[in-house]
N, C-alpha and C. Protein backbone atom coordinates (compact mmCIF):
# COMPACT_ATOMS: atom_id res chain seq x y z
N MET A 1 94.63 173.85 -112.39
CA MET A 1 94.39 173.48 -113.87
C MET A 1 93.83 174.98 -114.09
N SER A 2 92.99 174.92 -113.03
CA SER A 2 91.84 176.26 -113.61
C SER A 2 92.87 177.85 -113.64
N LEU A 3 94.46 177.49 -113.13
CA LEU A 3 94.70 178.78 -112.86
C LEU A 3 95.42 178.99 -114.37
N ILE A 4 95.57 177.91 -115.10
CA ILE A 4 96.31 178.28 -116.32
C ILE A 4 95.21 178.54 -117.54
N VAL A 5 93.97 178.02 -117.11
CA VAL A 5 92.69 178.56 -118.23
C VAL A 5 92.94 180.48 -117.96
N TYR A 6 92.52 180.47 -116.34
CA TYR A 6 92.96 182.26 -116.21
C TYR A 6 94.15 182.92 -116.57
N LEU A 7 94.86 182.29 -116.87
CA LEU A 7 96.14 182.94 -117.26
C LEU A 7 96.26 182.92 -118.90
N GLY A 8 96.27 181.90 -119.28
CA GLY A 8 95.66 181.91 -121.30
C GLY A 8 94.82 182.99 -121.70
N VAL A 9 93.57 183.03 -120.75
CA VAL A 9 92.50 183.79 -120.74
C VAL A 9 92.91 185.04 -120.70
N ALA A 10 93.89 185.76 -119.49
CA ALA A 10 94.65 186.86 -119.36
C ALA A 10 95.52 187.19 -120.58
N THR A 11 96.30 186.26 -121.30
CA THR A 11 97.05 187.24 -122.20
C THR A 11 96.71 186.63 -123.36
N THR A 12 95.42 186.54 -123.53
CA THR A 12 94.99 186.28 -124.61
C THR A 12 94.29 188.17 -124.80
N LEU A 13 93.90 188.36 -124.06
CA LEU A 13 93.27 189.36 -123.57
C LEU A 13 94.04 190.66 -124.30
N VAL A 14 95.65 190.24 -123.77
CA VAL A 14 96.86 191.33 -123.67
C VAL A 14 97.04 190.94 -125.25
N GLY A 15 96.29 189.93 -125.96
CA GLY A 15 97.30 190.03 -127.71
C GLY A 15 96.22 190.82 -128.22
N LEU A 16 94.76 190.45 -127.73
CA LEU A 16 93.45 191.23 -128.18
C LEU A 16 93.52 192.79 -128.31
N ALA A 17 93.95 193.23 -127.27
CA ALA A 17 94.27 194.71 -126.80
C ALA A 17 95.54 195.47 -127.70
N GLY A 18 96.15 194.51 -127.86
CA GLY A 18 97.53 194.65 -128.56
C GLY A 18 97.36 195.13 -130.30
N ILE A 19 96.14 193.85 -130.37
CA ILE A 19 95.75 194.17 -131.98
C ILE A 19 94.62 195.72 -131.92
N LEU A 20 94.31 195.53 -131.24
CA LEU A 20 93.11 196.90 -131.53
C LEU A 20 94.15 197.71 -131.61
N TRP A 21 94.98 198.01 -130.63
CA TRP A 21 95.91 199.13 -130.62
C TRP A 21 96.89 199.52 -131.81
N PHE A 22 96.85 198.03 -132.16
CA PHE A 22 97.91 198.22 -134.02
C PHE A 22 96.87 198.97 -134.95
N ILE A 23 95.54 198.58 -134.57
CA ILE A 23 94.66 198.83 -135.85
C ILE A 23 93.74 200.41 -135.82
N ARG A 24 93.79 200.80 -134.22
CA ARG A 24 93.51 202.37 -133.87
C ARG A 24 95.13 203.44 -134.58
N ARG A 25 96.10 202.47 -134.47
CA ARG A 25 97.06 203.06 -134.66
C ARG A 25 97.58 203.41 -136.39
N ALA A 26 97.28 202.04 -136.75
CA ALA A 26 97.54 202.25 -138.44
C ALA A 26 96.46 202.91 -138.95
N LYS A 27 95.11 203.12 -138.93
CA LYS A 27 93.98 204.04 -139.04
C LYS A 27 94.32 205.43 -138.95
N ALA A 28 95.56 205.46 -137.44
CA ALA A 28 95.37 207.41 -137.45
C ALA A 28 96.75 207.54 -138.15
N LEU A 29 97.65 206.22 -138.97
CA LEU A 29 98.79 206.79 -139.38
C LEU A 29 98.41 207.20 -141.20
N LYS A 30 97.18 206.32 -141.46
CA LYS A 30 96.68 206.47 -142.58
C LYS A 30 96.27 207.24 -142.93
N SER A 31 95.41 208.48 -141.72
CA SER A 31 94.80 209.48 -142.72
C SER A 31 95.41 210.84 -141.87
N SER A 32 97.08 210.33 -141.44
CA SER A 32 97.50 211.46 -141.27
C SER A 32 98.28 212.03 -142.61
N THR A 33 98.83 213.40 -142.43
CA THR A 33 99.15 214.23 -143.49
C THR A 33 101.00 213.84 -143.65
N ALA A 34 101.41 213.06 -142.90
CA ALA A 34 102.78 212.57 -143.14
C ALA A 34 103.66 212.23 -144.43
N ASP A 35 104.64 212.70 -144.51
CA ASP A 35 105.17 212.36 -145.95
C ASP A 35 105.40 210.63 -145.98
N ASN A 36 105.69 210.46 -147.22
CA ASN A 36 105.47 208.63 -147.45
C ASN A 36 106.58 207.55 -146.72
N ALA A 37 107.83 208.90 -146.32
CA ALA A 37 108.80 207.85 -145.85
C ALA A 37 108.69 207.78 -144.41
N THR A 38 108.04 208.96 -143.87
CA THR A 38 107.52 208.66 -142.41
C THR A 38 106.55 207.84 -141.99
N VAL A 39 105.83 207.75 -142.84
CA VAL A 39 104.26 206.41 -143.03
C VAL A 39 105.09 205.34 -143.03
N GLN A 40 106.10 204.80 -144.00
CA GLN A 40 106.56 203.65 -144.26
C GLN A 40 107.79 203.22 -143.02
N THR A 41 108.54 204.02 -142.69
CA THR A 41 108.95 203.92 -141.37
C THR A 41 108.05 203.61 -139.77
N GLU A 42 107.05 204.13 -140.10
CA GLU A 42 106.05 203.93 -138.99
C GLU A 42 105.67 202.65 -139.16
N LEU A 43 105.12 202.40 -140.39
CA LEU A 43 104.07 201.29 -140.66
C LEU A 43 105.24 199.75 -140.87
N ARG A 44 106.58 199.85 -140.85
CA ARG A 44 107.68 198.87 -140.44
C ARG A 44 107.50 198.54 -138.95
N LYS A 45 107.39 199.63 -138.46
CA LYS A 45 107.43 199.27 -136.99
C LYS A 45 106.22 198.80 -136.24
N LEU A 46 104.66 199.01 -136.94
CA LEU A 46 103.71 198.31 -136.47
C LEU A 46 103.78 197.23 -137.01
N VAL A 47 104.18 196.73 -137.99
CA VAL A 47 104.65 195.29 -138.34
C VAL A 47 105.07 194.33 -137.46
N VAL A 48 105.86 195.27 -136.98
CA VAL A 48 106.38 194.38 -135.50
C VAL A 48 105.92 194.31 -134.17
N ILE A 49 105.25 195.35 -134.29
CA ILE A 49 103.97 195.35 -132.93
C ILE A 49 102.83 194.40 -133.24
N ASN A 50 102.31 194.46 -134.40
CA ASN A 50 101.59 193.60 -134.80
C ASN A 50 101.89 191.76 -134.85
N VAL A 51 102.74 191.98 -135.13
CA VAL A 51 103.27 189.97 -135.29
C VAL A 51 103.83 189.71 -133.69
N ALA A 52 103.95 190.74 -133.01
CA ALA A 52 103.92 189.67 -131.33
C ALA A 52 102.79 189.59 -130.91
N ALA A 53 101.75 190.61 -131.07
CA ALA A 53 100.62 190.86 -130.40
C ALA A 53 99.88 189.80 -130.71
N VAL A 54 99.97 189.31 -132.20
CA VAL A 54 99.28 188.24 -132.61
C VAL A 54 100.21 186.75 -131.61
N GLY A 55 101.37 186.68 -131.91
CA GLY A 55 101.50 185.60 -131.22
C GLY A 55 101.54 185.63 -129.95
N VAL A 56 101.72 186.94 -128.92
CA VAL A 56 101.08 186.30 -127.51
C VAL A 56 99.46 186.29 -126.97
N ALA A 57 98.08 186.69 -128.55
CA ALA A 57 97.41 186.28 -128.65
C ALA A 57 97.10 184.47 -128.62
N PHE A 58 97.87 183.88 -129.54
CA PHE A 58 98.18 182.74 -129.98
C PHE A 58 98.90 182.10 -128.75
N PHE A 59 99.78 182.41 -128.06
CA PHE A 59 99.83 181.38 -126.83
C PHE A 59 99.18 181.62 -125.69
N GLY A 60 98.67 182.48 -125.79
CA GLY A 60 97.48 182.54 -124.42
C GLY A 60 96.13 181.93 -124.98
N LEU A 61 95.77 181.52 -126.18
CA LEU A 61 94.83 180.63 -126.74
C LEU A 61 95.29 179.09 -126.88
N ALA A 62 96.72 178.85 -126.91
CA ALA A 62 97.04 177.68 -126.51
C ALA A 62 97.33 177.14 -125.39
N LEU A 63 97.41 178.06 -123.95
CA LEU A 63 97.37 178.16 -122.71
C LEU A 63 96.16 177.85 -122.19
N THR A 64 95.07 178.32 -122.80
CA THR A 64 93.83 178.09 -122.81
C THR A 64 93.54 176.93 -122.60
N VAL A 65 93.67 176.56 -124.31
CA VAL A 65 93.26 175.08 -124.34
C VAL A 65 93.99 174.10 -123.82
N VAL A 66 94.86 174.16 -123.06
CA VAL A 66 96.03 173.22 -122.52
C VAL A 66 95.38 173.01 -121.21
N GLY A 67 94.68 174.13 -120.76
CA GLY A 67 94.37 174.36 -119.58
C GLY A 67 92.59 173.36 -119.48
N VAL A 68 91.88 174.06 -120.67
CA VAL A 68 91.09 173.20 -120.81
C VAL A 68 90.86 171.67 -120.59
N ILE A 69 91.79 170.90 -121.41
CA ILE A 69 92.01 169.74 -121.76
C ILE A 69 92.53 169.10 -120.20
N LEU A 70 93.48 169.71 -119.80
CA LEU A 70 93.68 169.32 -118.28
C LEU A 70 93.01 169.29 -117.18
N ALA A 71 91.83 169.90 -117.14
CA ALA A 71 90.91 170.38 -116.25
C ALA A 71 89.71 168.86 -116.47
């Protein structure tokens, strides 16, 4: 059962890394001098990545909780 906990923690860390990457990329995009249409297109792509990263982090937390409950 501890394998589930470790797998959940690893998955959560991957999700958090994705969220941190998203924040860093959004700040760089905000300070760029690109035109408005390009910025909007990039932000739409980033929103999908952000939702995926939050989902992965949530799934990892759920795995961690299940592993702790079963241990």
